[in-house]
Amino acid sequence: MAEKKKSVGANVLSFKTPEPRFPKAAIDYVDALLTVQRNRFEQELSSYEAAADQQFPARPTSLHILPESDNFMGAGWTNLGTRRDGTAFRWMGRIGSLMIPIDLSEPRKFTLRGCGFTKRRFLKDSTLWIDDQQVPYTLSRRGFNRWTFTGEIPAMPARPYYLLRIQAPGLAPLAEGVDAHVSLAVSELRINC
């Protein structure tokens, strides 16, 4: 009879093949967080290295970011889409993040507008964060799928970039037959405007 050997260290994960115990959503969630942290680290590192050679202008006290602009730096977003009325937007995965270069030495009012959601509860149960601090907001809806988050970002310690993160409680298919799982569609961010 063949004797079965019990392998030692069976809990070691192999990164060469997908791990079936982790759902795709969990992997995408961690991947989005790591991508954002890497982008932020690289941007801050480059600003610190260059600061010794030149003086940068003061950070702005207001900011207007559209999905099609060069200021839309972040992770967790789909490619740019456009509605029939010409409004540009990007769908968000479970987490969507933006790097915002703004002066937050004092509290600033913000407006985050969107033009779609896959499930109503994703809109109602989303959370908004600036760095690691949760930001309270009020939700208002207009029409069938337009929505707005308004609130105030608290004063924060000085940094070259802050990380604004929107976190939805889940994902849903965008449409039947489309292989895309998303949560919210964002069309504009205004801070102190």
N, C-alpha and C. Protein backbone atom coordinates (compact mmCIF):
# COMPACT_ATOMS: atom_id res chain seq x y z
N MET A 1 0.83 -1.19 0.00
CA MET A 1 0.00 0.00 0.00
C MET A 1 0.87 1.25 0.00
N ALA A 2 0.43 2.18 -0.76
CA ALA A 2 1.16 3.45 -0.81
C ALA A 2 0.86 4.24 0.44
N GLU A 3 1.87 4.76 1.03
CA GLU A 3 1.71 5.54 2.25
C GLU A 3 1.60 7.02 1.89
N LYS A 4 0.56 7.68 2.43
CA LYS A 4 0.37 9.11 2.16
C LYS A 4 1.23 9.90 3.12
N LYS A 5 1.96 10.86 2.58
CA LYS A 5 2.78 11.73 3.41
C LYS A 5 2.04 13.02 3.67
N LYS A 6 2.09 13.45 4.89
CA LYS A 6 1.47 14.71 5.25
C LYS A 6 2.51 15.80 5.09
N SER A 7 2.18 16.81 4.30
CA SER A 7 3.16 17.88 4.07
C SER A 7 3.19 18.83 5.25
N VAL A 8 4.38 19.28 5.54
CA VAL A 8 4.57 20.24 6.61
C VAL A 8 4.49 21.64 6.00
N GLY A 9 3.87 22.57 6.70
CA GLY A 9 3.77 23.95 6.20
C GLY A 9 2.74 24.10 5.10
N ALA A 10 1.60 23.47 5.23
CA ALA A 10 0.58 23.51 4.19
C ALA A 10 -0.11 24.87 4.10
N ASN A 11 0.09 25.74 5.06
CA ASN A 11 -0.56 27.05 5.05
C ASN A 11 0.21 28.10 4.27
N VAL A 12 1.30 27.73 3.66
CA VAL A 12 2.09 28.68 2.90
C VAL A 12 1.35 28.99 1.61
N LEU A 13 1.17 30.29 1.31
CA LEU A 13 0.45 30.70 0.11
C LEU A 13 1.41 30.78 -1.06
N SER A 14 0.97 30.29 -2.19
CA SER A 14 1.73 30.40 -3.42
C SER A 14 1.18 31.58 -4.20
N PHE A 15 2.04 32.53 -4.57
CA PHE A 15 1.59 33.70 -5.31
C PHE A 15 1.69 33.49 -6.81
N LYS A 16 2.07 32.30 -7.24
CA LYS A 16 2.16 32.02 -8.67
C LYS A 16 0.82 31.61 -9.24
N THR A 17 -0.07 31.11 -8.40
CA THR A 17 -1.40 30.72 -8.85
C THR A 17 -2.42 31.43 -7.97
N PRO A 18 -3.61 31.71 -8.49
CA PRO A 18 -4.63 32.38 -7.68
C PRO A 18 -5.00 31.55 -6.47
N GLU A 19 -5.21 32.18 -5.36
CA GLU A 19 -5.59 31.51 -4.13
C GLU A 19 -7.12 31.42 -4.09
N PRO A 20 -7.70 30.22 -4.13
CA PRO A 20 -9.15 30.09 -4.21
C PRO A 20 -9.88 30.54 -2.94
N ARG A 21 -9.16 30.64 -1.82
CA ARG A 21 -9.83 31.05 -0.58
C ARG A 21 -10.13 32.53 -0.55
N PHE A 22 -9.50 33.34 -1.41
CA PHE A 22 -9.73 34.77 -1.43
C PHE A 22 -10.61 35.13 -2.61
N PRO A 23 -11.76 35.72 -2.38
CA PRO A 23 -12.60 36.11 -3.51
C PRO A 23 -11.96 37.27 -4.28
N LYS A 24 -12.33 37.41 -5.53
CA LYS A 24 -11.78 38.45 -6.38
C LYS A 24 -12.00 39.83 -5.77
N ALA A 25 -13.15 40.05 -5.14
CA ALA A 25 -13.45 41.35 -4.55
C ALA A 25 -12.44 41.70 -3.46
N ALA A 26 -12.03 40.72 -2.65
CA ALA A 26 -11.05 40.98 -1.59
C ALA A 26 -9.70 41.33 -2.18
N ILE A 27 -9.32 40.63 -3.23
CA ILE A 27 -8.03 40.90 -3.88
C ILE A 27 -8.05 42.29 -4.52
N ASP A 28 -9.16 42.65 -5.20
CA ASP A 28 -9.28 43.97 -5.80
C ASP A 28 -9.24 45.08 -4.75
N TYR A 29 -9.87 44.84 -3.60
CA TYR A 29 -9.90 45.80 -2.51
C TYR A 29 -8.48 46.09 -2.00
N VAL A 30 -7.74 45.05 -1.72
CA VAL A 30 -6.36 45.20 -1.23
C VAL A 30 -5.48 45.82 -2.32
N ASP A 31 -5.68 45.41 -3.56
CA ASP A 31 -4.90 45.94 -4.67
C ASP A 31 -5.13 47.44 -4.83
N ALA A 32 -6.38 47.88 -4.70
CA ALA A 32 -6.69 49.32 -4.82
C ALA A 32 -6.02 50.10 -3.70
N LEU A 33 -6.07 49.59 -2.48
CA LEU A 33 -5.42 50.28 -1.36
C LEU A 33 -3.91 50.38 -1.55
N LEU A 34 -3.29 49.30 -1.98
CA LEU A 34 -1.84 49.31 -2.19
C LEU A 34 -1.44 50.24 -3.34
N THR A 35 -2.21 50.27 -4.40
CA THR A 35 -1.92 51.16 -5.52
C THR A 35 -1.98 52.61 -5.09
N VAL A 36 -3.00 52.96 -4.34
CA VAL A 36 -3.15 54.33 -3.85
C VAL A 36 -1.99 54.71 -2.95
N GLN A 37 -1.64 53.83 -2.03
CA GLN A 37 -0.54 54.14 -1.12
C GLN A 37 0.77 54.29 -1.87
N ARG A 38 1.01 53.45 -2.88
CA ARG A 38 2.23 53.56 -3.68
C ARG A 38 2.25 54.88 -4.45
N ASN A 39 1.12 55.26 -5.08
CA ASN A 39 1.06 56.52 -5.82
C ASN A 39 1.31 57.72 -4.91
N ARG A 40 0.70 57.69 -3.75
CA ARG A 40 0.88 58.79 -2.81
C ARG A 40 2.33 58.88 -2.36
N PHE A 41 2.91 57.73 -2.04
CA PHE A 41 4.30 57.71 -1.60
C PHE A 41 5.21 58.27 -2.68
N GLU A 42 5.02 57.85 -3.93
CA GLU A 42 5.86 58.33 -5.03
C GLU A 42 5.71 59.83 -5.23
N GLN A 43 4.46 60.34 -5.18
CA GLN A 43 4.23 61.78 -5.37
C GLN A 43 4.86 62.58 -4.24
N GLU A 44 4.68 62.14 -3.00
CA GLU A 44 5.25 62.86 -1.87
C GLU A 44 6.77 62.79 -1.90
N LEU A 45 7.32 61.64 -2.24
CA LEU A 45 8.76 61.49 -2.30
C LEU A 45 9.36 62.42 -3.35
N SER A 46 8.73 62.51 -4.51
CA SER A 46 9.25 63.40 -5.56
C SER A 46 9.15 64.86 -5.15
N SER A 47 8.11 65.23 -4.40
CA SER A 47 8.00 66.63 -3.96
C SER A 47 9.03 66.96 -2.88
N TYR A 48 9.36 66.00 -2.02
CA TYR A 48 10.39 66.24 -1.01
C TYR A 48 11.78 66.36 -1.64
N GLU A 49 12.07 65.50 -2.63
CA GLU A 49 13.38 65.55 -3.28
C GLU A 49 13.57 66.84 -4.05
N ALA A 50 12.54 67.30 -4.72
CA ALA A 50 12.65 68.52 -5.51
C ALA A 50 12.61 69.77 -4.64
N ALA A 51 12.09 69.67 -3.43
CA ALA A 51 11.95 70.85 -2.58
C ALA A 51 13.29 71.45 -2.21
N ALA A 52 14.34 70.67 -2.17
CA ALA A 52 15.65 71.19 -1.83
C ALA A 52 16.19 72.12 -2.92
N ASP A 53 15.81 71.88 -4.17
CA ASP A 53 16.32 72.67 -5.29
C ASP A 53 15.47 73.88 -5.63
N GLN A 54 14.17 73.81 -5.43
CA GLN A 54 13.31 74.92 -5.82
C GLN A 54 12.19 75.12 -4.82
N GLN A 55 11.61 76.31 -4.85
CA GLN A 55 10.49 76.63 -3.98
C GLN A 55 9.19 76.43 -4.76
N PHE A 56 8.29 75.68 -4.18
CA PHE A 56 7.00 75.47 -4.80
C PHE A 56 6.04 76.56 -4.37
N PRO A 57 5.10 76.92 -5.23
CA PRO A 57 4.08 77.89 -4.80
C PRO A 57 3.20 77.29 -3.72
N ALA A 58 2.54 78.11 -2.98
CA ALA A 58 1.64 77.64 -1.92
C ALA A 58 0.54 76.79 -2.55
N ARG A 59 0.09 75.78 -1.84
CA ARG A 59 -1.00 74.95 -2.34
C ARG A 59 -2.27 75.77 -2.42
N PRO A 60 -3.13 75.44 -3.36
CA PRO A 60 -4.37 76.20 -3.51
C PRO A 60 -5.32 75.95 -2.34
N THR A 61 -6.21 76.89 -2.10
CA THR A 61 -7.21 76.72 -1.05
C THR A 61 -8.52 76.20 -1.62
N SER A 62 -8.61 76.10 -2.94
CA SER A 62 -9.79 75.52 -3.58
C SER A 62 -9.34 74.59 -4.70
N LEU A 63 -10.21 73.66 -5.04
CA LEU A 63 -9.86 72.66 -6.03
C LEU A 63 -11.12 72.19 -6.75
N HIS A 64 -11.03 72.04 -8.06
CA HIS A 64 -12.14 71.53 -8.86
C HIS A 64 -11.58 70.42 -9.74
N ILE A 65 -12.04 69.18 -9.51
CA ILE A 65 -11.54 68.03 -10.24
C ILE A 65 -12.68 67.40 -11.04
N LEU A 66 -12.45 67.27 -12.34
CA LEU A 66 -13.38 66.58 -13.24
C LEU A 66 -12.74 65.26 -13.67
N PRO A 67 -13.53 64.25 -13.98
CA PRO A 67 -12.97 62.94 -14.34
C PRO A 67 -12.06 62.98 -15.57
N GLU A 68 -12.25 63.91 -16.47
CA GLU A 68 -11.43 63.95 -17.67
C GLU A 68 -10.18 64.82 -17.51
N SER A 69 -10.00 65.44 -16.34
CA SER A 69 -8.86 66.34 -16.16
C SER A 69 -7.60 65.58 -15.73
N ASP A 70 -6.46 66.26 -15.88
CA ASP A 70 -5.18 65.69 -15.45
C ASP A 70 -5.08 65.61 -13.93
N ASN A 71 -5.92 66.36 -13.21
CA ASN A 71 -5.91 66.34 -11.74
C ASN A 71 -6.55 65.08 -11.17
N PHE A 72 -7.21 64.28 -12.01
CA PHE A 72 -7.90 63.08 -11.54
C PHE A 72 -6.86 61.97 -11.37
N MET A 73 -6.13 62.04 -10.24
CA MET A 73 -5.08 61.06 -9.94
C MET A 73 -5.58 60.18 -8.79
N GLY A 74 -5.66 58.91 -9.05
CA GLY A 74 -6.12 58.01 -8.01
C GLY A 74 -6.21 56.59 -8.52
N ALA A 75 -6.87 55.76 -7.74
CA ALA A 75 -7.01 54.35 -8.10
C ALA A 75 -8.43 53.89 -7.80
N GLY A 76 -8.82 52.81 -8.46
CA GLY A 76 -10.14 52.24 -8.22
C GLY A 76 -11.20 52.74 -9.17
N TRP A 77 -10.81 53.32 -10.30
CA TRP A 77 -11.74 53.93 -11.25
C TRP A 77 -11.69 53.22 -12.60
N THR A 78 -12.82 53.24 -13.31
CA THR A 78 -12.86 52.71 -14.67
C THR A 78 -12.36 53.78 -15.64
N ASN A 79 -12.36 53.43 -16.91
CA ASN A 79 -12.05 54.41 -17.94
C ASN A 79 -13.14 55.47 -17.99
N LEU A 80 -12.84 56.57 -18.61
CA LEU A 80 -13.75 57.69 -18.72
C LEU A 80 -14.98 57.32 -19.56
N GLY A 81 -16.14 57.71 -19.07
CA GLY A 81 -17.38 57.52 -19.80
C GLY A 81 -18.08 58.85 -19.95
N THR A 82 -19.04 58.92 -20.86
CA THR A 82 -19.79 60.16 -21.08
C THR A 82 -21.27 59.84 -21.19
N ARG A 83 -22.09 60.63 -20.50
CA ARG A 83 -23.55 60.48 -20.58
C ARG A 83 -24.05 61.14 -21.86
N ARG A 84 -25.30 60.92 -22.15
CA ARG A 84 -25.91 61.52 -23.36
C ARG A 84 -25.88 63.04 -23.31
N ASP A 85 -25.97 63.62 -22.11
CA ASP A 85 -25.96 65.08 -21.99
C ASP A 85 -24.55 65.67 -22.00
N GLY A 86 -23.52 64.83 -22.17
CA GLY A 86 -22.14 65.30 -22.24
C GLY A 86 -21.38 65.26 -20.93
N THR A 87 -22.04 64.86 -19.83
CA THR A 87 -21.38 64.79 -18.53
C THR A 87 -20.38 63.64 -18.52
N ALA A 88 -19.13 63.95 -18.21
CA ALA A 88 -18.10 62.92 -18.10
C ALA A 88 -18.16 62.31 -16.70
N PHE A 89 -17.83 61.03 -16.60
CA PHE A 89 -17.85 60.34 -15.31
C PHE A 89 -16.90 59.16 -15.33
N ARG A 90 -16.61 58.65 -14.15
CA ARG A 90 -15.87 57.40 -14.01
C ARG A 90 -16.59 56.55 -12.97
N TRP A 91 -16.76 55.26 -13.31
CA TRP A 91 -17.32 54.33 -12.34
C TRP A 91 -16.25 53.96 -11.33
N MET A 92 -16.68 53.73 -10.13
CA MET A 92 -15.79 53.39 -9.03
C MET A 92 -15.97 51.92 -8.68
N GLY A 93 -14.89 51.26 -8.30
CA GLY A 93 -14.99 49.90 -7.76
C GLY A 93 -15.54 49.99 -6.35
N ARG A 94 -15.10 49.14 -5.48
CA ARG A 94 -15.54 49.23 -4.08
C ARG A 94 -14.90 50.42 -3.39
N ILE A 95 -13.66 50.74 -3.79
CA ILE A 95 -12.96 51.91 -3.27
C ILE A 95 -12.50 52.76 -4.44
N GLY A 96 -12.74 54.04 -4.34
CA GLY A 96 -12.21 55.00 -5.31
C GLY A 96 -11.44 56.05 -4.54
N SER A 97 -10.24 56.35 -4.98
CA SER A 97 -9.44 57.32 -4.23
C SER A 97 -8.91 58.39 -5.17
N LEU A 98 -8.71 59.57 -4.61
CA LEU A 98 -8.14 60.69 -5.35
C LEU A 98 -7.07 61.35 -4.50
N MET A 99 -5.98 61.70 -5.13
CA MET A 99 -4.94 62.46 -4.45
C MET A 99 -5.25 63.92 -4.68
N ILE A 100 -5.37 64.68 -3.59
CA ILE A 100 -5.75 66.08 -3.73
C ILE A 100 -4.65 66.98 -3.16
N PRO A 101 -4.05 67.81 -4.02
CA PRO A 101 -3.04 68.77 -3.57
C PRO A 101 -3.72 70.08 -3.18
N ILE A 102 -4.08 70.22 -1.93
CA ILE A 102 -4.80 71.41 -1.46
C ILE A 102 -4.34 71.77 -0.06
N ASP A 103 -4.51 73.01 0.30
CA ASP A 103 -4.17 73.49 1.64
C ASP A 103 -5.34 73.18 2.57
N LEU A 104 -5.12 72.29 3.53
CA LEU A 104 -6.16 71.96 4.51
C LEU A 104 -5.75 72.45 5.91
N SER A 105 -5.12 73.61 5.96
CA SER A 105 -4.75 74.17 7.26
C SER A 105 -5.98 74.61 8.03
N GLU A 106 -7.10 74.76 7.35
CA GLU A 106 -8.38 75.05 7.99
C GLU A 106 -9.47 74.24 7.29
N PRO A 107 -10.61 74.05 7.93
CA PRO A 107 -11.67 73.24 7.31
C PRO A 107 -12.12 73.82 5.97
N ARG A 108 -12.45 72.93 5.03
CA ARG A 108 -12.88 73.33 3.69
C ARG A 108 -14.17 72.59 3.34
N LYS A 109 -15.13 73.30 2.79
CA LYS A 109 -16.38 72.70 2.33
C LYS A 109 -16.13 71.96 1.02
N PHE A 110 -16.86 70.85 0.83
CA PHE A 110 -16.69 70.07 -0.41
C PHE A 110 -18.05 69.66 -0.96
N THR A 111 -18.06 69.41 -2.25
CA THR A 111 -19.21 68.86 -2.96
C THR A 111 -18.69 67.78 -3.90
N LEU A 112 -19.21 66.59 -3.75
CA LEU A 112 -18.86 65.46 -4.61
C LEU A 112 -20.13 65.06 -5.35
N ARG A 113 -20.11 65.18 -6.69
CA ARG A 113 -21.29 64.88 -7.49
C ARG A 113 -21.12 63.59 -8.27
N GLY A 114 -22.23 62.90 -8.46
CA GLY A 114 -22.22 61.68 -9.24
C GLY A 114 -23.43 61.58 -10.14
N CYS A 115 -23.37 60.64 -11.08
CA CYS A 115 -24.45 60.51 -12.05
C CYS A 115 -24.87 59.05 -12.24
N GLY A 116 -24.69 58.24 -11.23
CA GLY A 116 -25.13 56.86 -11.33
C GLY A 116 -24.72 56.03 -10.13
N PHE A 117 -25.41 54.92 -9.94
CA PHE A 117 -25.08 53.95 -8.91
C PHE A 117 -25.71 52.62 -9.32
N THR A 118 -25.09 51.52 -8.93
CA THR A 118 -25.63 50.22 -9.32
C THR A 118 -26.68 49.71 -8.34
N LYS A 119 -26.56 50.08 -7.07
CA LYS A 119 -27.57 49.73 -6.07
C LYS A 119 -27.75 50.93 -5.15
N ARG A 120 -28.99 51.18 -4.77
CA ARG A 120 -29.30 52.34 -3.93
C ARG A 120 -28.57 52.27 -2.59
N ARG A 121 -28.42 51.07 -2.04
CA ARG A 121 -27.75 50.96 -0.73
C ARG A 121 -26.27 51.31 -0.83
N PHE A 122 -25.65 51.13 -2.01
CA PHE A 122 -24.25 51.52 -2.16
C PHE A 122 -24.11 53.03 -1.98
N LEU A 123 -25.09 53.75 -2.47
CA LEU A 123 -25.07 55.20 -2.34
C LEU A 123 -25.30 55.63 -0.89
N LYS A 124 -26.30 55.03 -0.25
CA LYS A 124 -26.67 55.42 1.12
C LYS A 124 -25.63 55.00 2.16
N ASP A 125 -24.95 53.87 1.93
CA ASP A 125 -24.05 53.32 2.95
C ASP A 125 -22.57 53.58 2.66
N SER A 126 -22.27 54.41 1.70
CA SER A 126 -20.86 54.71 1.40
C SER A 126 -20.25 55.56 2.51
N THR A 127 -18.95 55.45 2.66
CA THR A 127 -18.23 56.29 3.61
C THR A 127 -17.19 57.11 2.86
N LEU A 128 -16.85 58.24 3.42
CA LEU A 128 -15.88 59.15 2.81
C LEU A 128 -14.77 59.39 3.82
N TRP A 129 -13.52 59.33 3.34
CA TRP A 129 -12.36 59.46 4.22
C TRP A 129 -11.37 60.47 3.64
N ILE A 130 -10.72 61.22 4.51
CA ILE A 130 -9.57 62.03 4.12
C ILE A 130 -8.41 61.48 4.93
N ASP A 131 -7.41 60.96 4.25
CA ASP A 131 -6.35 60.17 4.87
C ASP A 131 -7.00 59.06 5.68
N ASP A 132 -6.81 59.01 7.00
CA ASP A 132 -7.42 57.95 7.80
C ASP A 132 -8.54 58.47 8.69
N GLN A 133 -9.08 59.63 8.35
CA GLN A 133 -10.14 60.23 9.15
C GLN A 133 -11.44 60.23 8.37
N GLN A 134 -12.51 59.70 8.97
CA GLN A 134 -13.80 59.66 8.29
C GLN A 134 -14.40 61.05 8.25
N VAL A 135 -15.01 61.39 7.12
CA VAL A 135 -15.60 62.71 6.91
C VAL A 135 -17.11 62.55 6.83
N PRO A 136 -17.85 63.24 7.73
CA PRO A 136 -19.31 63.17 7.64
C PRO A 136 -19.81 63.97 6.43
N TYR A 137 -20.91 63.55 5.85
CA TYR A 137 -21.48 64.25 4.70
C TYR A 137 -22.98 64.08 4.70
N THR A 138 -23.65 64.91 3.91
CA THR A 138 -25.08 64.74 3.68
C THR A 138 -25.27 64.33 2.23
N LEU A 139 -26.23 63.48 2.00
CA LEU A 139 -26.53 62.96 0.68
C LEU A 139 -27.82 63.61 0.18
N SER A 140 -27.79 64.10 -1.03
CA SER A 140 -29.02 64.58 -1.67
C SER A 140 -29.09 63.97 -3.06
N ARG A 141 -30.32 63.70 -3.50
CA ARG A 141 -30.52 63.10 -4.82
C ARG A 141 -31.37 64.03 -5.65
N ARG A 142 -31.07 64.02 -6.96
CA ARG A 142 -31.84 64.82 -7.90
C ARG A 142 -32.11 63.96 -9.12
N GLY A 143 -33.37 63.83 -9.47
CA GLY A 143 -33.71 63.02 -10.63
C GLY A 143 -33.56 61.54 -10.35
N PHE A 144 -33.41 60.78 -11.42
CA PHE A 144 -33.38 59.33 -11.31
C PHE A 144 -32.08 58.81 -10.71
N ASN A 145 -30.93 59.34 -11.17
CA ASN A 145 -29.66 58.77 -10.69
C ASN A 145 -28.59 59.80 -10.35
N ARG A 146 -28.93 61.07 -10.28
CA ARG A 146 -27.96 62.10 -9.88
C ARG A 146 -27.90 62.17 -8.36
N TRP A 147 -26.71 62.33 -7.82
CA TRP A 147 -26.54 62.39 -6.38
C TRP A 147 -25.42 63.37 -6.03
N THR A 148 -25.45 63.87 -4.79
CA THR A 148 -24.45 64.82 -4.31
C THR A 148 -24.13 64.54 -2.86
N PHE A 149 -22.84 64.45 -2.54
CA PHE A 149 -22.38 64.42 -1.16
C PHE A 149 -21.85 65.82 -0.85
N THR A 150 -22.30 66.43 0.25
CA THR A 150 -21.77 67.74 0.68
C THR A 150 -21.37 67.63 2.14
N GLY A 151 -20.35 68.38 2.50
CA GLY A 151 -19.88 68.37 3.87
C GLY A 151 -18.67 69.27 4.03
N GLU A 152 -17.92 69.01 5.08
CA GLU A 152 -16.74 69.82 5.37
C GLU A 152 -15.58 68.91 5.73
N ILE A 153 -14.46 69.12 5.04
CA ILE A 153 -13.24 68.39 5.34
C ILE A 153 -12.57 69.11 6.51
N PRO A 154 -12.22 68.39 7.57
CA PRO A 154 -11.60 69.06 8.72
C PRO A 154 -10.17 69.52 8.40
N ALA A 155 -9.66 70.41 9.23
CA ALA A 155 -8.27 70.84 9.10
C ALA A 155 -7.36 69.64 9.35
N MET A 156 -6.29 69.56 8.56
CA MET A 156 -5.38 68.42 8.63
C MET A 156 -3.94 68.93 8.73
N PRO A 157 -3.01 68.10 9.25
CA PRO A 157 -1.60 68.49 9.27
C PRO A 157 -1.09 68.71 7.84
N ALA A 158 -0.13 69.58 7.67
CA ALA A 158 0.37 69.92 6.33
C ALA A 158 1.00 68.72 5.65
N ARG A 159 0.65 68.51 4.39
CA ARG A 159 1.20 67.46 3.53
C ARG A 159 1.15 67.97 2.09
N PRO A 160 1.99 67.44 1.23
CA PRO A 160 1.90 67.83 -0.18
C PRO A 160 0.61 67.34 -0.83
N TYR A 161 0.16 66.13 -0.46
CA TYR A 161 -1.06 65.54 -1.01
C TYR A 161 -1.86 64.91 0.11
N TYR A 162 -3.17 64.98 -0.02
CA TYR A 162 -4.07 64.25 0.88
C TYR A 162 -4.77 63.18 0.05
N LEU A 163 -5.17 62.13 0.70
CA LEU A 163 -5.83 61.03 0.03
C LEU A 163 -7.32 61.05 0.39
N LEU A 164 -8.14 61.37 -0.59
CA LEU A 164 -9.59 61.32 -0.43
C LEU A 164 -10.06 59.96 -0.91
N ARG A 165 -10.78 59.24 -0.06
CA ARG A 165 -11.19 57.88 -0.38
C ARG A 165 -12.69 57.73 -0.19
N ILE A 166 -13.36 57.21 -1.21
CA ILE A 166 -14.78 56.89 -1.14
C ILE A 166 -14.86 55.38 -1.06
N GLN A 167 -15.63 54.89 -0.10
CA GLN A 167 -15.70 53.46 0.11
C GLN A 167 -17.17 53.01 0.05
N ALA A 168 -17.51 52.18 -0.91
CA ALA A 168 -18.86 51.64 -1.04
C ALA A 168 -18.94 50.30 -0.32
N PRO A 169 -20.12 49.90 0.14
CA PRO A 169 -20.23 48.64 0.86
C PRO A 169 -20.20 47.40 -0.03
N GLY A 170 -20.19 47.56 -1.34
CA GLY A 170 -20.16 46.39 -2.20
C GLY A 170 -20.08 46.76 -3.66
N LEU A 171 -20.19 45.74 -4.50
CA LEU A 171 -20.15 45.88 -5.96
C LEU A 171 -21.34 45.16 -6.56
N ALA A 172 -21.74 45.60 -7.76
CA ALA A 172 -22.80 44.92 -8.50
C ALA A 172 -22.47 45.02 -9.98
N PRO A 173 -22.99 44.10 -10.78
CA PRO A 173 -22.72 44.17 -12.22
C PRO A 173 -23.29 45.47 -12.79
N LEU A 174 -22.56 46.05 -13.72
CA LEU A 174 -22.98 47.31 -14.33
C LEU A 174 -24.25 47.11 -15.16
N ALA A 175 -24.30 46.11 -15.97
CA ALA A 175 -25.48 45.80 -16.77
C ALA A 175 -25.44 44.32 -17.13
N GLU A 176 -26.56 43.81 -17.51
CA GLU A 176 -26.61 42.40 -17.89
C GLU A 176 -25.76 42.17 -19.14
N GLY A 177 -24.90 41.20 -19.08
CA GLY A 177 -24.05 40.90 -20.22
C GLY A 177 -22.74 41.67 -20.22
N VAL A 178 -22.57 42.62 -19.29
CA VAL A 178 -21.32 43.39 -19.21
C VAL A 178 -20.50 42.84 -18.06
N ASP A 179 -19.24 42.54 -18.30
CA ASP A 179 -18.39 41.97 -17.26
C ASP A 179 -17.67 43.08 -16.50
N ALA A 180 -18.44 43.90 -15.80
CA ALA A 180 -17.88 44.97 -14.98
C ALA A 180 -18.70 45.07 -13.70
N HIS A 181 -18.01 45.04 -12.56
CA HIS A 181 -18.66 45.18 -11.27
C HIS A 181 -18.22 46.51 -10.67
N VAL A 182 -19.18 47.39 -10.41
CA VAL A 182 -18.89 48.75 -9.96
C VAL A 182 -19.89 49.14 -8.88
N SER A 183 -19.74 50.36 -8.35
CA SER A 183 -20.66 50.83 -7.32
C SER A 183 -21.25 52.20 -7.65
N LEU A 184 -20.41 53.24 -7.71
CA LEU A 184 -20.89 54.61 -7.93
C LEU A 184 -20.20 55.23 -9.13
N ALA A 185 -20.90 56.15 -9.81
CA ALA A 185 -20.32 56.91 -10.92
C ALA A 185 -20.10 58.34 -10.44
N VAL A 186 -18.85 58.80 -10.46
CA VAL A 186 -18.49 60.14 -9.97
C VAL A 186 -18.23 61.07 -11.15
N SER A 187 -18.78 62.28 -11.08
CA SER A 187 -18.65 63.23 -12.17
C SER A 187 -17.94 64.52 -11.81
N GLU A 188 -17.75 64.81 -10.51
CA GLU A 188 -17.13 66.09 -10.15
C GLU A 188 -16.80 66.14 -8.66
N LEU A 189 -15.69 66.78 -8.34
CA LEU A 189 -15.33 67.09 -6.95
C LEU A 189 -14.97 68.55 -6.86
N ARG A 190 -15.60 69.25 -5.95
CA ARG A 190 -15.27 70.66 -5.69
C ARG A 190 -14.93 70.80 -4.21
N ILE A 191 -13.83 71.46 -3.93
CA ILE A 191 -13.45 71.74 -2.56
C ILE A 191 -13.27 73.25 -2.44
N ASN A 192 -14.05 73.85 -1.55
CA ASN A 192 -13.98 75.28 -1.27
C ASN A 192 -14.27 76.13 -2.51
N CYS A 193 -15.12 75.66 -3.40
CA CYS A 193 -15.49 76.41 -4.61
C CYS A 193 -16.94 76.85 -4.53
